[in-house]
Amino acid sequence: MKEQVIKVLEDFNDELVEDLEQDLFLSGKLDSFDLVKLVVELEDAFDISIDVEEVTVENFQSVTAIIDLMERIAK
């Protein structure tokens, strides 16, 4: 799952995966508009639905957080 998520993120914006622990919002690599687009990309790539309650800064703050979210949803 980790490699698949990283690939989707890389295709979305290769700067996102430079540091898996980096705060994507504070670094300016992700903003609210990008977040909406990224949610759609992840939903399409994994054929899942991400509940609006899951779309939080905490769940998308870093690549590691996104991977954790996707692993929880995929179960």
C-alpha atoms as a PDB file:
ATOM      1  CA  MET A   1       0.000   0.000   0.000  1.00  0.00           C
ATOM      2  CA  LYS A   2       2.788   2.422   0.941  1.00  0.00           C
ATOM      3  CA  GLU A   3       4.450   2.236  -2.469  1.00  0.00           C
ATOM      4  CA  GLN A   4       1.115   2.636  -4.259  1.00  0.00           C
ATOM      5  CA  VAL A   5       0.220   5.734  -2.236  1.00  0.00           C
ATOM      6  CA  ILE A   6       3.654   7.234  -2.840  1.00  0.00           C
ATOM      7  CA  LYS A   7       3.249   6.643  -6.583  1.00  0.00           C
ATOM      8  CA  VAL A   8      -0.114   8.451  -6.624  1.00  0.00           C
ATOM      9  CA  LEU A   9       1.365  11.344  -4.625  1.00  0.00           C
ATOM     10  CA  GLU A  10       4.404  11.465  -6.901  1.00  0.00           C
ATOM     11  CA  ASP A  11       2.175  11.639  -9.983  1.00  0.00           C
ATOM     12  CA  PHE A  12       0.097  14.355  -8.306  1.00  0.00           C
ATOM     13  CA  ASN A  13       3.119  16.460  -7.251  1.00  0.00           C
ATOM     14  CA  ASP A  14       6.574  14.920  -7.001  1.00  0.00           C
ATOM     15  CA  GLU A  15       7.599  17.492  -4.367  1.00  0.00           C
ATOM     16  CA  LEU A  16       5.197  15.873  -1.881  1.00  0.00           C
ATOM     17  CA  VAL A  17       7.347  12.768  -1.504  1.00  0.00           C
ATOM     18  CA  GLU A  18      10.712  14.471  -0.929  1.00  0.00           C
ATOM     19  CA  ASP A  19      10.354  13.922   2.839  1.00  0.00           C
ATOM     20  CA  LEU A  20       7.718  11.511   4.125  1.00  0.00           C
ATOM     21  CA  GLU A  21       7.456  13.296   7.501  1.00  0.00           C
ATOM     22  CA  GLN A  22       7.459  16.898   6.250  1.00  0.00           C
ATOM     23  CA  ASP A  23       4.392  18.986   7.061  1.00  0.00           C
ATOM     24  CA  LEU A  24       2.891  19.423   3.609  1.00  0.00           C
ATOM     25  CA  PHE A  25       0.768  22.428   4.605  1.00  0.00           C
ATOM     26  CA  LEU A  26       3.457  24.394   6.472  1.00  0.00           C
ATOM     27  CA  SER A  27       5.942  23.743   3.666  1.00  0.00           C
ATOM     28  CA  GLY A  28       3.457  25.158   1.150  1.00  0.00           C
ATOM     29  CA  LYS A  29       3.437  21.964  -0.905  1.00  0.00           C
ATOM     30  CA  LEU A  30      -0.256  21.383  -0.218  1.00  0.00           C
ATOM     31  CA  ASP A  31      -3.097  23.853   0.244  1.00  0.00           C
ATOM     32  CA  SER A  32      -6.851  23.466   0.616  1.00  0.00           C
ATOM     33  CA  PHE A  33      -7.445  23.438  -3.138  1.00  0.00           C
ATOM     34  CA  ASP A  34      -4.766  20.800  -3.655  1.00  0.00           C
ATOM     35  CA  LEU A  35      -6.233  18.764  -0.817  1.00  0.00           C
ATOM     36  CA  VAL A  36      -9.588  18.470  -2.577  1.00  0.00           C
ATOM     37  CA  LYS A  37      -7.881  17.440  -5.817  1.00  0.00           C
ATOM     38  CA  LEU A  38      -5.686  14.944  -3.976  1.00  0.00           C
ATOM     39  CA  VAL A  39      -8.682  13.329  -2.281  1.00  0.00           C
ATOM     40  CA  VAL A  40     -10.249  12.783  -5.711  1.00  0.00           C
ATOM     41  CA  GLU A  41      -6.987  11.348  -7.058  1.00  0.00           C
ATOM     42  CA  LEU A  42      -6.700   8.904  -4.160  1.00  0.00           C
ATOM     43  CA  GLU A  43     -10.345   7.884  -4.433  1.00  0.00           C
ATOM     44  CA  ASP A  44      -9.952   7.218  -8.155  1.00  0.00           C
ATOM     45  CA  ALA A  45      -6.627   5.409  -7.831  1.00  0.00           C
ATOM     46  CA  PHE A  46      -7.809   3.053  -5.100  1.00  0.00           C
ATOM     47  CA  ASP A  47     -11.511   2.863  -6.029  1.00  0.00           C
ATOM     48  CA  ILE A  48     -12.534   3.993  -2.554  1.00  0.00           C
ATOM     49  CA  SER A  49     -14.550   6.753  -0.955  1.00  0.00           C
ATOM     50  CA  ILE A  50     -12.926   8.986   1.643  1.00  0.00           C
ATOM     51  CA  ASP A  51     -15.525  10.251   4.115  1.00  0.00           C
ATOM     52  CA  VAL A  52     -15.595  14.009   4.603  1.00  0.00           C
ATOM     53  CA  GLU A  53     -14.846  13.418   8.316  1.00  0.00           C
ATOM     54  CA  GLU A  54     -11.509  11.883   7.266  1.00  0.00           C
ATOM     55  CA  VAL A  55     -10.470  14.947   5.259  1.00  0.00           C
ATOM     56  CA  THR A  56      -8.571  16.698   8.039  1.00  0.00           C
ATOM     57  CA  VAL A  57      -5.260  18.472   8.258  1.00  0.00           C
ATOM     58  CA  GLU A  58      -4.013  15.713  10.541  1.00  0.00           C
ATOM     59  CA  ASN A  59      -4.786  12.961   8.016  1.00  0.00           C
ATOM     60  CA  PHE A  60      -3.085  14.826   5.166  1.00  0.00           C
ATOM     61  CA  GLN A  61      -0.330  16.635   7.055  1.00  0.00           C
ATOM     62  CA  SER A  62       2.464  14.374   5.806  1.00  0.00           C
ATOM     63  CA  VAL A  63       2.968  11.536   3.371  1.00  0.00           C
ATOM     64  CA  THR A  64       3.163   9.154   6.328  1.00  0.00           C
ATOM     65  CA  ALA A  65      -0.206  10.417   7.610  1.00  0.00           C
ATOM     66  CA  ILE A  66      -1.751   9.915   4.167  1.00  0.00           C
ATOM     67  CA  ILE A  67      -0.366   6.376   3.983  1.00  0.00           C
ATOM     68  CA  ASP A  68      -1.781   5.622   7.447  1.00  0.00           C
ATOM     69  CA  LEU A  69      -5.190   6.958   6.391  1.00  0.00           C
ATOM     70  CA  MET A  70      -5.242   4.918   3.214  1.00  0.00           C
ATOM     71  CA  GLU A  71      -4.264   1.762   5.090  1.00  0.00           C
ATOM     72  CA  ARG A  72      -7.114   2.323   7.571  1.00  0.00           C
ATOM     73  CA  ILE A  73      -9.650   2.905   4.804  1.00  0.00           C
ATOM     74  CA  ALA A  74      -8.479  -0.077   2.765  1.00  0.00           C
ATOM     75  CA  LYS A  75      -9.142  -2.518   5.608  1.00  0.00           C
END
